[in-house]
Amino acid sequence: MAMVNVAGKKMAAIIDCSVQPGRVRVLKEGSTKQTGPVVYWMFRDQRLRDNWALIYAIHQANKANVPVAVVFNLFDQFLGAKARQVGFMLKEKFRKCKDEICLRVGDSVAIHEVDAHNVVPIWVASEKLEYSARTLRGKINKRLPDYLIDFPVLQPPCRKWVATANQLTDWESLFDEVARKGKKFLKLNGACQEKKQQWKVEQLERAQTADPLWNASQLEMVYQGKMHGFMRMYWAKKILEWTKGPEEALAISIYLNDKYELDGRDPNGYVGCMWSICGVHDQGWKERQVFGKIRYMNYAGCKRKFDVDGYIAYVKRIVSEIKKRKAETQLGGKTKQLRVKHFI
């Protein structure tokens, strides 16, 4: 999602013919008293190419013959984001929040929201929280002829921004749906019977469980910032099995996911955890101890699906190589410091 702040009488409701009207929502109308620049507040879709929000912002600015500016807020702390996530973001380049913004800006400012992330805008695809990908897929497919089109050529702004010293497809849509609508629908249905084994969050974070497969998935996430989607399901379900209840399991899985995964604090990560622990977008299963009606996964099932031993060996090799490179880098830095001190 992205929001475009538009000031000026020429900007009230102009929709570029190359940007489908359904992709844009007017969150706040502006007055006609002033003219001013178009400000594109970039949040998730951090790219210049194939970006509907940027296309729309430049078109709006050119229509009114005003400059356009792109604003991006880099938070040093955002829901647990650390150097890994912020660094990755820099290298490769929210209802309450939106209401607050609309209240804080002046009457002359209009705010338009553009869905630059999904092929079919999330508010067009469905007005409710869908039960599963199956129930949403047909709705998306019906709208593809309208929205699955080529991106137009990005036109340069007609006027440059002059700064002064005082101026500063299925699953993706489901993920966004839960982030936008899911809180009031979310129910934690895991059962709370006595559990055979429980691990503390510190042990989980250090991959110190008795399950070598789970340890491997945790280490892969810690050292590489990612793990296979199937492994994240197993990883989260074992946390449900090893903790006091679904509330604690969800909190721990989100904490670890946000801290180590490159897609932490993203709908994809949240729904990955909630599908495994809460059953979001999954059907109910025969009730069993600990899991309740949540889909069950275990070590034996994984062995039937893929080479578990090969995966564990693969992760061990990766971790060993990363540790070796890190040690060599640290040793090289110390050697350089010693040489400098020698010459001084």
C-alpha atoms as a PDB file:
ATOM      1  CA  MET A   1       0.000   0.000   0.000  1.00  0.00           C
ATOM      2  CA  ALA A   2       1.024   3.587  -0.497  1.00  0.00           C
ATOM      3  CA  MET A   3      -0.530   6.927   0.208  1.00  0.00           C
ATOM      4  CA  VAL A   4      -0.356  10.032  -1.921  1.00  0.00           C
ATOM      5  CA  ASN A   5      -0.898  13.426  -0.332  1.00  0.00           C
ATOM      6  CA  VAL A   6      -2.287  15.897  -2.825  1.00  0.00           C
ATOM      7  CA  ALA A   7      -2.728  19.600  -2.179  1.00  0.00           C
ATOM      8  CA  GLY A   8      -4.604  21.885  -4.547  1.00  0.00           C
ATOM      9  CA  LYS A   9      -7.891  22.375  -6.356  1.00  0.00           C
ATOM     10  CA  LYS A  10      -6.820  20.527  -9.504  1.00  0.00           C
ATOM     11  CA  MET A  11      -6.113  17.356  -7.569  1.00  0.00           C
ATOM     12  CA  ALA A  12      -9.429  16.555  -5.884  1.00  0.00           C
ATOM     13  CA  ALA A  13     -10.481  13.443  -7.801  1.00  0.00           C
ATOM     14  CA  ILE A  14      -8.288  13.008 -10.872  1.00  0.00           C
ATOM     15  CA  ILE A  15      -7.740   9.357 -11.670  1.00  0.00           C
ATOM     16  CA  ASP A  16      -5.142   8.494 -14.285  1.00  0.00           C
ATOM     17  CA  CYS A  17      -6.671   6.406 -17.054  1.00  0.00           C
ATOM     18  CA  SER A  18      -3.611   4.121 -16.914  1.00  0.00           C
ATOM     19  CA  VAL A  19      -4.207   3.422 -13.204  1.00  0.00           C
ATOM     20  CA  GLN A  20      -7.465   1.533 -12.752  1.00  0.00           C
ATOM     21  CA  PRO A  21      -9.933   3.530 -10.587  1.00  0.00           C
ATOM     22  CA  GLY A  22     -10.433   0.530  -8.316  1.00  0.00           C
ATOM     23  CA  ARG A  23      -6.756   0.590  -7.385  1.00  0.00           C
ATOM     24  CA  VAL A  24      -7.100   4.023  -5.760  1.00  0.00           C
ATOM     25  CA  ARG A  25      -9.143   4.982  -2.700  1.00  0.00           C
ATOM     26  CA  VAL A  26      -9.695   8.568  -1.595  1.00  0.00           C
ATOM     27  CA  LEU A  27      -9.182   8.525   2.165  1.00  0.00           C
ATOM     28  CA  LYS A  28      -9.610  12.280   2.526  1.00  0.00           C
ATOM     29  CA  GLU A  29     -10.720  15.012   0.166  1.00  0.00           C
ATOM     30  CA  GLY A  30      -8.738  18.249   0.033  1.00  0.00           C
ATOM     31  CA  SER A  31     -10.014  21.795  -0.169  1.00  0.00           C
ATOM     32  CA  THR A  32      -9.530  24.034  -3.200  1.00  0.00           C
ATOM     33  CA  LYS A  33      -7.810  26.881  -1.383  1.00  0.00           C
ATOM     34  CA  GLN A  34      -4.168  26.043  -2.096  1.00  0.00           C
ATOM     35  CA  THR A  35      -1.964  24.460  -4.694  1.00  0.00           C
ATOM     36  CA  GLY A  36       1.056  22.452  -3.690  1.00  0.00           C
ATOM     37  CA  PRO A  37       3.240  19.431  -4.386  1.00  0.00           C
ATOM     38  CA  VAL A  38       2.273  15.775  -4.542  1.00  0.00           C
ATOM     39  CA  VAL A  39       3.928  13.740  -1.773  1.00  0.00           C
ATOM     40  CA  TYR A  40       4.174   9.979  -2.257  1.00  0.00           C
ATOM     41  CA  TRP A  41       4.566   8.280   1.131  1.00  0.00           C
ATOM     42  CA  MET A  42       6.353   5.053   0.239  1.00  0.00           C
ATOM     43  CA  PHE A  43       5.990   2.246   2.751  1.00  0.00           C
ATOM     44  CA  ARG A  44       6.106  -1.368   1.563  1.00  0.00           C
ATOM     45  CA  ASP A  45       6.568  -1.202  -2.203  1.00  0.00           C
ATOM     46  CA  GLN A  46      10.060   0.256  -2.327  1.00  0.00           C
ATOM     47  CA  ARG A  47      10.768   0.304  -6.035  1.00  0.00           C
ATOM     48  CA  LEU A  48      10.833   2.697  -8.987  1.00  0.00           C
ATOM     49  CA  ARG A  49       9.798   0.216 -11.674  1.00  0.00           C
ATOM     50  CA  ASP A  50       6.339  -1.369 -11.870  1.00  0.00           C
ATOM     51  CA  ASN A  51       4.989   0.726  -9.016  1.00  0.00           C
ATOM     52  CA  TRP A  52       1.375   1.828  -9.455  1.00  0.00           C
ATOM     53  CA  ALA A  53       1.612   4.308  -6.587  1.00  0.00           C
ATOM     54  CA  LEU A  54       4.567   6.133  -8.117  1.00  0.00           C
ATOM     55  CA  ILE A  55       2.916   6.132 -11.539  1.00  0.00           C
ATOM     56  CA  TYR A  56      -0.190   7.628  -9.993  1.00  0.00           C
ATOM     57  CA  ALA A  57       1.724  10.224  -7.956  1.00  0.00           C
ATOM     58  CA  ILE A  58       3.688  11.490 -10.968  1.00  0.00           C
ATOM     59  CA  HIS A  59       0.566  11.609 -13.117  1.00  0.00           C
ATOM     60  CA  GLN A  60      -1.264  13.636 -10.470  1.00  0.00           C
ATOM     61  CA  ALA A  61       1.649  16.035 -10.162  1.00  0.00           C
ATOM     62  CA  ASN A  62       1.955  16.493 -13.921  1.00  0.00           C
ATOM     63  CA  LYS A  63      -1.783  17.117 -14.226  1.00  0.00           C
ATOM     64  CA  ALA A  64      -1.498  20.002 -11.781  1.00  0.00           C
ATOM     65  CA  ASN A  65       1.943  21.111 -12.975  1.00  0.00           C
ATOM     66  CA  VAL A  66       3.427  20.748  -9.491  1.00  0.00           C
ATOM     67  CA  PRO A  67       6.498  18.876  -8.181  1.00  0.00           C
ATOM     68  CA  VAL A  68       6.347  15.355  -6.742  1.00  0.00           C
ATOM     69  CA  ALA A  69       8.359  14.112  -3.753  1.00  0.00           C
ATOM     70  CA  VAL A  70       8.851  10.566  -2.468  1.00  0.00           C
ATOM     71  CA  VAL A  71       9.012  10.220   1.328  1.00  0.00           C
ATOM     72  CA  PHE A  72      10.184   7.078   3.098  1.00  0.00           C
ATOM     73  CA  ASN A  73      10.522   6.751   6.865  1.00  0.00           C
ATOM     74  CA  LEU A  74      13.379   4.523   7.951  1.00  0.00           C
ATOM     75  CA  PHE A  75      12.625   3.375  11.497  1.00  0.00           C
ATOM     76  CA  ASP A  76      15.612   2.333  13.579  1.00  0.00           C
ATOM     77  CA  GLN A  77      13.222   0.206  15.664  1.00  0.00           C
ATOM     78  CA  PHE A  78      10.007  -1.118  14.122  1.00  0.00           C
ATOM     79  CA  LEU A  79       8.315  -4.149  15.713  1.00  0.00           C
ATOM     80  CA  GLY A  80      11.655  -5.689  16.596  1.00  0.00           C
ATOM     81  CA  ALA A  81      13.414  -4.925  13.311  1.00  0.00           C
ATOM     82  CA  LYS A  82      17.193  -5.079  13.672  1.00  0.00           C
ATOM     83  CA  ALA A  83      20.233  -4.502  11.473  1.00  0.00           C
ATOM     84  CA  ARG A  84      19.462  -7.599   9.375  1.00  0.00           C
ATOM     85  CA  GLN A  85      16.024  -6.461   8.239  1.00  0.00           C
ATOM     86  CA  VAL A  86      16.847  -2.761   7.910  1.00  0.00           C
ATOM     87  CA  GLY A  87      20.098  -3.558   6.111  1.00  0.00           C
ATOM     88  CA  PHE A  88      18.335  -5.887   3.675  1.00  0.00           C
ATOM     89  CA  MET A  89      15.732  -3.210   2.993  1.00  0.00           C
ATOM     90  CA  LEU A  90      18.387  -0.585   2.262  1.00  0.00           C
ATOM     91  CA  LYS A  91      20.467  -2.922   0.194  1.00  0.00           C
ATOM     92  CA  GLU A  92      17.566  -3.801  -2.067  1.00  0.00           C
ATOM     93  CA  LYS A  93      17.276  -0.323  -2.598  1.00  0.00           C
ATOM     94  CA  PHE A  94      -2.408   0.037   8.819  1.00  0.00           C
ATOM     95  CA  ARG A  95      -6.299   1.392   9.468  1.00  0.00           C
ATOM     96  CA  LYS A  96      -5.626   3.326  12.705  1.00  0.00           C
ATOM     97  CA  CYS A  97      -2.448   4.812  11.243  1.00  0.00           C
ATOM     98  CA  LYS A  98      -4.257   6.034   8.132  1.00  0.00           C
ATOM     99  CA  ASP A  99      -7.076   7.572  10.138  1.00  0.00           C
ATOM    100  CA  GLU A 100      -4.548   9.408  12.283  1.00  0.00           C
ATOM    101  CA  ILE A 101      -2.782  10.813   9.220  1.00  0.00           C
ATOM    102  CA  CYS A 102      -6.055  12.050   7.753  1.00  0.00           C
ATOM    103  CA  LEU A 103      -6.823  13.845  11.010  1.00  0.00           C
ATOM    104  CA  ARG A 104      -3.411  15.488  11.313  1.00  0.00           C
ATOM    105  CA  VAL A 105      -2.987  16.974   7.837  1.00  0.00           C
ATOM    106  CA  GLY A 106      -4.574  20.285   6.908  1.00  0.00           C
ATOM    107  CA  ASP A 107      -7.904  20.726   5.142  1.00  0.00           C
ATOM    108  CA  SER A 108      -6.141  21.624   1.904  1.00  0.00           C
ATOM    109  CA  VAL A 109      -4.516  18.177   1.661  1.00  0.00           C
ATOM    110  CA  ALA A 110      -6.224  15.254  -0.065  1.00  0.00           C
ATOM    111  CA  ILE A 111      -5.020  11.712   0.630  1.00  0.00           C
ATOM    112  CA  HIS A 112      -5.361   8.922  -1.932  1.00  0.00           C
ATOM    113  CA  GLU A 113      -4.396   5.317  -1.166  1.00  0.00           C
ATOM    114  CA  VAL A 114      -3.002   3.151  -3.979  1.00  0.00           C
ATOM    115  CA  ASP A 115      -2.643  -0.626  -3.774  1.00  0.00           C
ATOM    116  CA  ALA A 116       0.715  -1.096  -5.482  1.00  0.00           C
ATOM    117  CA  HIS A 117       1.352  -4.525  -3.959  1.00  0.00           C
ATOM    118  CA  ASN A 118      -1.418  -6.855  -5.150  1.00  0.00           C
ATOM    119  CA  VAL A 119      -2.402  -7.610  -8.734  1.00  0.00           C
ATOM    120  CA  VAL A 120      -6.064  -7.174  -7.779  1.00  0.00           C
ATOM    121  CA  PRO A 121      -6.422  -4.489  -5.072  1.00  0.00           C
ATOM    122  CA  ILE A 122      -7.227  -6.063  -1.730  1.00  0.00           C
ATOM    123  CA  TRP A 123     -10.379  -4.005  -1.210  1.00  0.00           C
ATOM    124  CA  VAL A 124     -11.622  -5.000  -4.688  1.00  0.00           C
ATOM    125  CA  ALA A 125     -10.822  -8.705  -4.348  1.00  0.00           C
ATOM    126  CA  SER A 126     -13.030  -9.217  -1.299  1.00  0.00           C
ATOM    127  CA  GLU A 127     -14.843  -7.159   1.301  1.00  0.00           C
ATOM    128  CA  LYS A 128     -14.631  -9.856   3.973  1.00  0.00           C
ATOM    129  CA  LEU A 129     -12.077 -12.129   5.584  1.00  0.00           C
ATOM    130  CA  GLU A 130     -12.009 -15.193   3.334  1.00  0.00           C
ATOM    131  CA  TYR A 131     -12.021 -18.690   4.777  1.00  0.00           C
ATOM    132  CA  SER A 132      -9.217 -20.021   2.579  1.00  0.00           C
ATOM    133  CA  ALA A 133      -7.331 -19.504  -0.677  1.00  0.00           C
ATOM    134  CA  ARG A 134     -10.003 -21.585  -2.393  1.00  0.00           C
ATOM    135  CA  THR A 135     -12.793 -19.146  -1.521  1.00  0.00           C
ATOM    136  CA  LEU A 136     -10.749 -16.129  -2.617  1.00  0.00           C
ATOM    137  CA  ARG A 137      -9.216 -17.556  -5.800  1.00  0.00           C
ATOM    138  CA  GLY A 138     -12.382 -17.352  -7.886  1.00  0.00           C
ATOM    139  CA  LYS A 139     -13.008 -13.744  -6.905  1.00  0.00           C
ATOM    140  CA  ILE A 140      -9.483 -12.765  -7.877  1.00  0.00           C
ATOM    141  CA  ASN A 141      -9.626 -14.626 -11.195  1.00  0.00           C
ATOM    142  CA  LYS A 142     -12.815 -12.771 -12.189  1.00  0.00           C
ATOM    143  CA  ARG A 143     -11.057  -9.430 -11.793  1.00  0.00           C
ATOM    144  CA  LEU A 144      -7.766 -10.372 -13.484  1.00  0.00           C
ATOM    145  CA  PRO A 145      -8.845  -9.100 -16.942  1.00  0.00           C
ATOM    146  CA  ASP A 146      -9.297  -5.650 -15.379  1.00  0.00           C
ATOM    147  CA  TYR A 147      -6.096  -5.537 -13.338  1.00  0.00           C
ATOM    148  CA  LEU A 148      -3.544  -7.929 -14.858  1.00  0.00           C
ATOM    149  CA  ILE A 149      -2.240  -5.424 -17.389  1.00  0.00           C
ATOM    150  CA  ASP A 150       1.140  -4.120 -18.472  1.00  0.00           C
ATOM    151  CA  PHE A 151       2.601  -1.280 -16.483  1.00  0.00           C
ATOM    152  CA  PRO A 152       2.690   1.991 -18.440  1.00  0.00           C
ATOM    153  CA  VAL A 153       5.976   3.729 -19.049  1.00  0.00           C
ATOM    154  CA  LEU A 154       6.858   5.848 -16.028  1.00  0.00           C
ATOM    155  CA  GLN A 155       6.769   9.474 -17.143  1.00  0.00           C
ATOM    156  CA  PRO A 156       9.219  11.955 -15.628  1.00  0.00           C
ATOM    157  CA  PRO A 157       7.771  14.766 -13.517  1.00  0.00           C
ATOM    158  CA  CYS A 158       7.072  17.987 -15.400  1.00  0.00           C
ATOM    159  CA  ARG A 159       8.440  20.099 -12.575  1.00  0.00           C
ATOM    160  CA  LYS A 160      11.443  19.352 -10.429  1.00  0.00           C
ATOM    161  CA  TRP A 161      11.327  19.437  -6.657  1.00  0.00           C
ATOM    162  CA  VAL A 162      13.425  22.371  -5.462  1.00  0.00           C
ATOM    163  CA  ALA A 163      14.591  21.777  -1.900  1.00  0.00           C
ATOM    164  CA  THR A 164      15.533  24.597   0.466  1.00  0.00           C
ATOM    165  CA  ALA A 165      17.229  24.657   3.834  1.00  0.00           C
ATOM    166  CA  ASN A 166      13.809  24.539   5.551  1.00  0.00           C
ATOM    167  CA  GLN A 167      12.406  21.572   3.590  1.00  0.00           C
ATOM    168  CA  LEU A 168      12.920  17.914   4.550  1.00  0.00           C
ATOM    169  CA  THR A 169      -1.992 -13.662  -6.141  1.00  0.00           C
ATOM    170  CA  ASP A 170      -3.836 -15.917  -3.955  1.00  0.00           C
ATOM    171  CA  TRP A 171      -1.722 -16.111  -0.791  1.00  0.00           C
ATOM    172  CA  GLU A 172      -0.452 -12.552  -1.019  1.00  0.00           C
ATOM    173  CA  SER A 173      -4.025 -11.276  -0.962  1.00  0.00           C
ATOM    174  CA  LEU A 174      -4.885 -13.586   1.919  1.00  0.00           C
ATOM    175  CA  PHE A 175      -1.899 -12.311   3.885  1.00  0.00           C
ATOM    176  CA  ASP A 176      -3.039  -8.721   3.384  1.00  0.00           C
ATOM    177  CA  GLU A 177      -6.592  -9.654   4.328  1.00  0.00           C
ATOM    178  CA  VAL A 178      -5.550 -10.999   7.709  1.00  0.00           C
ATOM    179  CA  ALA A 179      -3.377  -7.980   8.388  1.00  0.00           C
ATOM    180  CA  ARG A 180      -6.264  -5.674   7.472  1.00  0.00           C
ATOM    181  CA  LYS A 181      -9.278  -7.527   8.932  1.00  0.00           C
ATOM    182  CA  GLY A 182      -8.075 -10.490  10.886  1.00  0.00           C
ATOM    183  CA  LYS A 183      -7.719  -9.258  14.477  1.00  0.00           C
ATOM    184  CA  LYS A 184     -11.428  -9.327  15.306  1.00  0.00           C
ATOM    185  CA  PHE A 185     -11.847 -12.752  13.682  1.00  0.00           C
ATOM    186  CA  LEU A 186      -8.807 -14.410  15.201  1.00  0.00           C
ATOM    187  CA  LYS A 187      -9.477 -17.240  17.632  1.00  0.00           C
ATOM    188  CA  LEU A 188      -6.767 -19.332  19.232  1.00  0.00           C
ATOM    189  CA  ASN A 189      -8.189 -22.825  19.106  1.00  0.00           C
ATOM    190  CA  GLY A 190      -5.249 -24.940  20.255  1.00  0.00           C
ATOM    191  CA  ALA A 191      -6.120 -27.255  23.138  1.00  0.00           C
ATOM    192  CA  CYS A 192      -4.334 -26.902  26.472  1.00  0.00           C
ATOM    193  CA  GLN A 193      -3.899 -30.450  27.786  1.00  0.00           C
ATOM    194  CA  GLU A 194      -0.821 -31.499  29.723  1.00  0.00           C
ATOM    195  CA  LYS A 195       2.247 -31.519  27.494  1.00  0.00           C
ATOM    196  CA  LYS A 196       5.095 -33.989  27.577  1.00  0.00           C
ATOM    197  CA  GLN A 197       7.869 -31.500  26.859  1.00  0.00           C
ATOM    198  CA  GLN A 198       8.131 -27.747  27.161  1.00  0.00           C
ATOM    199  CA  TRP A 199      10.992 -25.503  26.130  1.00  0.00           C
ATOM    200  CA  LYS A 200      11.737 -21.965  27.238  1.00  0.00           C
ATOM    201  CA  VAL A 201      12.004 -19.194  24.683  1.00  0.00           C
ATOM    202  CA  GLU A 202      15.773 -18.914  25.312  1.00  0.00           C
ATOM    203  CA  GLN A 203      16.228 -22.598  24.461  1.00  0.00           C
ATOM    204  CA  LEU A 204      14.100 -22.248  21.343  1.00  0.00           C
ATOM    205  CA  GLU A 205      16.025 -19.208  20.177  1.00  0.00           C
ATOM    206  CA  ARG A 206      19.337 -21.060  20.579  1.00  0.00           C
ATOM    207  CA  ALA A 207      17.997 -24.201  18.847  1.00  0.00           C
ATOM    208  CA  GLN A 208      18.543 -26.308  21.960  1.00  0.00           C
ATOM    209  CA  THR A 209      15.582 -28.684  21.680  1.00  0.00           C
ATOM    210  CA  ALA A 210      15.644 -32.473  21.379  1.00  0.00           C
ATOM    211  CA  ASP A 211      14.336 -32.276  17.795  1.00  0.00           C
ATOM    212  CA  PRO A 212      17.243 -32.024  15.294  1.00  0.00           C
ATOM    213  CA  LEU A 213      14.896 -31.087  12.430  1.00  0.00           C
ATOM    214  CA  TRP A 214      13.378 -28.187  14.341  1.00  0.00           C
ATOM    215  CA  ASN A 215      16.836 -27.076  15.479  1.00  0.00           C
ATOM    216  CA  ALA A 216      17.979 -27.040  11.869  1.00  0.00           C
ATOM    217  CA  SER A 217      15.059 -24.873  10.763  1.00  0.00           C
ATOM    218  CA  GLN A 218      15.701 -22.426  13.611  1.00  0.00           C
ATOM    219  CA  LEU A 219      19.420 -22.239  12.800  1.00  0.00           C
ATOM    220  CA  GLU A 220      18.686 -21.694   9.120  1.00  0.00           C
ATOM    221  CA  MET A 221      16.486 -18.755  10.066  1.00  0.00           C
ATOM    222  CA  VAL A 222      19.014 -17.313  12.534  1.00  0.00           C
ATOM    223  CA  TYR A 223      21.975 -17.543  10.153  1.00  0.00           C
ATOM    224  CA  GLN A 224      20.278 -16.937   6.783  1.00  0.00           C
ATOM    225  CA  GLY A 225      17.190 -14.951   7.655  1.00  0.00           C
ATOM    226  CA  LYS A 226      14.832 -17.406   5.965  1.00  0.00           C
ATOM    227  CA  MET A 227      13.587 -20.955   5.890  1.00  0.00           C
ATOM    228  CA  HIS A 228      11.494 -23.030   3.487  1.00  0.00           C
ATOM    229  CA  GLY A 229       7.731 -22.414   3.770  1.00  0.00           C
ATOM    230  CA  PHE A 230       7.044 -26.048   4.653  1.00  0.00           C
ATOM    231  CA  MET A 231       9.626 -25.897   7.411  1.00  0.00           C
ATOM    232  CA  ARG A 232       8.081 -22.752   8.870  1.00  0.00           C
ATOM    233  CA  MET A 233       4.795 -24.648   9.254  1.00  0.00           C
ATOM    234  CA  TYR A 234       6.555 -27.479  11.079  1.00  0.00           C
ATOM    235  CA  TRP A 235       8.639 -24.984  13.079  1.00  0.00           C
ATOM    236  CA  ALA A 236       5.583 -23.056  14.311  1.00  0.00           C
ATOM    237  CA  LYS A 237       3.503 -26.163  15.066  1.00  0.00           C
ATOM    238  CA  LYS A 238       6.242 -27.590  17.241  1.00  0.00           C
ATOM    239  CA  ILE A 239       6.307 -24.318  19.181  1.00  0.00           C
ATOM    240  CA  LEU A 240       2.595 -24.841  19.797  1.00  0.00           C
ATOM    241  CA  GLU A 241       3.357 -28.365  20.998  1.00  0.00           C
ATOM    242  CA  TRP A 242       6.170 -27.253  23.321  1.00  0.00           C
ATOM    243  CA  THR A 243       4.671 -24.168  25.002  1.00  0.00           C
ATOM    244  CA  LYS A 244       1.927 -23.543  27.538  1.00  0.00           C
ATOM    245  CA  GLY A 245      -0.790 -22.707  25.039  1.00  0.00           C
ATOM    246  CA  PRO A 246      -1.611 -21.122  21.670  1.00  0.00           C
ATOM    247  CA  GLU A 247      -1.298 -17.560  22.979  1.00  0.00           C
ATOM    248  CA  GLU A 248       2.269 -18.131  24.136  1.00  0.00           C
ATOM    249  CA  ALA A 249       3.109 -20.151  21.021  1.00  0.00           C
ATOM    250  CA  LEU A 250       1.919 -17.380  18.712  1.00  0.00           C
ATOM    251  CA  ALA A 251       3.777 -14.710  20.694  1.00  0.00           C
ATOM    252  CA  ILE A 252       7.046 -16.690  20.604  1.00  0.00           C
ATOM    253  CA  SER A 253       6.763 -17.577  16.920  1.00  0.00           C
ATOM    254  CA  ILE A 254       6.111 -13.948  15.966  1.00  0.00           C
ATOM    255  CA  TYR A 255       8.979 -12.786  18.196  1.00  0.00           C
ATOM    256  CA  LEU A 256      11.447 -15.180  16.553  1.00  0.00           C
ATOM    257  CA  ASN A 257      10.077 -14.582  13.063  1.00  0.00           C
ATOM    258  CA  ASP A 258      10.251 -10.789  13.421  1.00  0.00           C
ATOM    259  CA  LYS A 259      13.740 -10.901  14.886  1.00  0.00           C
ATOM    260  CA  TYR A 260      15.403 -13.219  12.369  1.00  0.00           C
ATOM    261  CA  GLU A 261      13.296 -13.560   9.202  1.00  0.00           C
ATOM    262  CA  LEU A 262      13.807 -11.106   6.368  1.00  0.00           C
ATOM    263  CA  ASP A 263      10.007 -11.036   5.998  1.00  0.00           C
ATOM    264  CA  GLY A 264       9.479 -10.236   9.667  1.00  0.00           C
ATOM    265  CA  ARG A 265       6.728  -7.674  10.403  1.00  0.00           C
ATOM    266  CA  ASP A 266       5.137  -8.594   7.063  1.00  0.00           C
ATOM    267  CA  PRO A 267       1.679 -10.147   6.431  1.00  0.00           C
ATOM    268  CA  ASN A 268       3.415 -13.163   4.901  1.00  0.00           C
ATOM    269  CA  GLY A 269       5.238 -13.893   8.150  1.00  0.00           C
ATOM    270  CA  TYR A 270       2.267 -13.257  10.434  1.00  0.00           C
ATOM    271  CA  VAL A 271      -0.089 -15.480   8.463  1.00  0.00           C
ATOM    272  CA  GLY A 272       2.563 -18.189   8.227  1.00  0.00           C
ATOM    273  CA  CYS A 273       2.586 -18.323  12.016  1.00  0.00           C
ATOM    274  CA  MET A 274      -1.178 -18.006  12.373  1.00  0.00           C
ATOM    275  CA  TRP A 275      -1.929 -20.702   9.787  1.00  0.00           C
ATOM    276  CA  SER A 276       0.213 -23.125  11.777  1.00  0.00           C
ATOM    277  CA  ILE A 277      -0.904 -22.185  15.298  1.00  0.00           C
ATOM    278  CA  CYS A 278      -4.372 -20.651  14.907  1.00  0.00           C
ATOM    279  CA  GLY A 279      -5.639 -22.464  11.819  1.00  0.00           C
ATOM    280  CA  VAL A 280      -6.166 -19.240   9.858  1.00  0.00           C
ATOM    281  CA  HIS A 281      -7.207 -20.109   6.273  1.00  0.00           C
ATOM    282  CA  ASP A 282      -7.121 -23.831   7.091  1.00  0.00           C
ATOM    283  CA  GLN A 283      -9.951 -26.260   7.752  1.00  0.00           C
ATOM    284  CA  GLY A 284     -10.691 -27.811  11.118  1.00  0.00           C
ATOM    285  CA  TRP A 285      -9.333 -31.306  11.768  1.00  0.00           C
ATOM    286  CA  LYS A 286     -10.276 -34.116  14.107  1.00  0.00           C
ATOM    287  CA  GLU A 287      -9.657 -32.924  17.631  1.00  0.00           C
ATOM    288  CA  ARG A 288      -6.569 -34.233  19.360  1.00  0.00           C
ATOM    289  CA  GLN A 289      -4.558 -33.469  22.470  1.00  0.00           C
ATOM    290  CA  VAL A 290      -2.483 -30.277  22.518  1.00  0.00           C
ATOM    291  CA  PHE A 291      -3.402 -29.278  18.934  1.00  0.00           C
ATOM    292  CA  GLY A 292      -7.173 -29.268  19.319  1.00  0.00           C
ATOM    293  CA  LYS A 293      -8.596 -28.984  15.781  1.00  0.00           C
ATOM    294  CA  ILE A 294      -5.414 -27.453  14.345  1.00  0.00           C
ATOM    295  CA  ARG A 295      -3.676 -29.417  11.570  1.00  0.00           C
ATOM    296  CA  TYR A 296      -1.044 -31.738  13.057  1.00  0.00           C
ATOM    297  CA  MET A 297       2.514 -32.190  11.754  1.00  0.00           C
ATOM    298  CA  ASN A 298       5.307 -34.372  13.118  1.00  0.00           C
ATOM    299  CA  TYR A 299       8.833 -35.579  12.460  1.00  0.00           C
ATOM    300  CA  ALA A 300       7.736 -38.882  10.919  1.00  0.00           C
ATOM    301  CA  GLY A 301       5.499 -37.076   8.430  1.00  0.00           C
ATOM    302  CA  CYS A 302       8.394 -34.868   7.361  1.00  0.00           C
ATOM    303  CA  LYS A 303      10.586 -37.931   6.756  1.00  0.00           C
ATOM    304  CA  ARG A 304       7.956 -39.277   4.357  1.00  0.00           C
ATOM    305  CA  LYS A 305       7.932 -36.017   2.395  1.00  0.00           C
ATOM    306  CA  PHE A 306      11.606 -35.117   2.018  1.00  0.00           C
ATOM    307  CA  ASP A 307      15.180 -36.006   2.949  1.00  0.00           C
ATOM    308  CA  VAL A 308      15.242 -34.859   6.574  1.00  0.00           C
ATOM    309  CA  ASP A 309      18.826 -35.965   7.189  1.00  0.00           C
ATOM    310  CA  GLY A 310      19.964 -34.192   4.032  1.00  0.00           C
ATOM    311  CA  TYR A 311      18.269 -30.971   5.116  1.00  0.00           C
ATOM    312  CA  ILE A 312      19.850 -31.119   8.577  1.00  0.00           C
ATOM    313  CA  ALA A 313      23.285 -31.716   7.044  1.00  0.00           C
ATOM    314  CA  TYR A 314      22.715 -28.844   4.608  1.00  0.00           C
ATOM    315  CA  VAL A 315      21.936 -26.409   7.443  1.00  0.00           C
ATOM    316  CA  LYS A 316      24.916 -27.595   9.496  1.00  0.00           C
ATOM    317  CA  ARG A 317      27.183 -26.962   6.524  1.00  0.00           C
ATOM    318  CA  ILE A 318      25.786 -23.462   5.994  1.00  0.00           C
ATOM    319  CA  VAL A 319      26.130 -22.552   9.671  1.00  0.00           C
ATOM    320  CA  SER A 320      29.695 -23.862   9.743  1.00  0.00           C
ATOM    321  CA  GLU A 321      30.655 -21.834   6.657  1.00  0.00           C
ATOM    322  CA  ILE A 322      29.092 -18.643   8.033  1.00  0.00           C
ATOM    323  CA  LYS A 323      30.833 -19.064  11.385  1.00  0.00           C
ATOM    324  CA  LYS A 324      34.137 -19.690   9.606  1.00  0.00           C
ATOM    325  CA  ARG A 325      33.805 -16.545   7.472  1.00  0.00           C
ATOM    326  CA  LYS A 326      32.865 -14.501  10.517  1.00  0.00           C
ATOM    327  CA  ALA A 327      35.874 -15.787  12.464  1.00  0.00           C
ATOM    328  CA  GLU A 328      38.198 -15.036   9.548  1.00  0.00           C
ATOM    329  CA  THR A 329      36.795 -11.513   9.254  1.00  0.00           C
ATOM    330  CA  GLN A 330      37.261 -10.857  12.957  1.00  0.00           C
ATOM    331  CA  LEU A 331      40.788 -12.273  12.858  1.00  0.00           C
ATOM    332  CA  GLY A 332      41.644 -10.096   9.858  1.00  0.00           C
ATOM    333  CA  GLY A 333      40.367  -7.016  11.699  1.00  0.00           C
ATOM    334  CA  LYS A 334      42.479  -7.796  14.765  1.00  0.00           C
ATOM    335  CA  THR A 335      45.568  -8.388  12.592  1.00  0.00           C
ATOM    336  CA  LYS A 336      45.083  -5.030  10.899  1.00  0.00           C
ATOM    337  CA  GLN A 337      44.790  -3.307  14.281  1.00  0.00           C
ATOM    338  CA  LEU A 338      48.020  -4.935  15.479  1.00  0.00           C
ATOM    339  CA  ARG A 339      49.849  -3.767  12.353  1.00  0.00           C
ATOM    340  CA  VAL A 340      48.646  -0.210  12.846  1.00  0.00           C
ATOM    341  CA  LYS A 341      49.775  -0.212  16.476  1.00  0.00           C
ATOM    342  CA  HIS A 342      53.184  -1.618  15.436  1.00  0.00           C
ATOM    343  CA  PHE A 343      53.816   1.225  13.010  1.00  0.00           C
ATOM    344  CA  ILE A 344      52.569   3.814  15.494  1.00  0.00           C
END
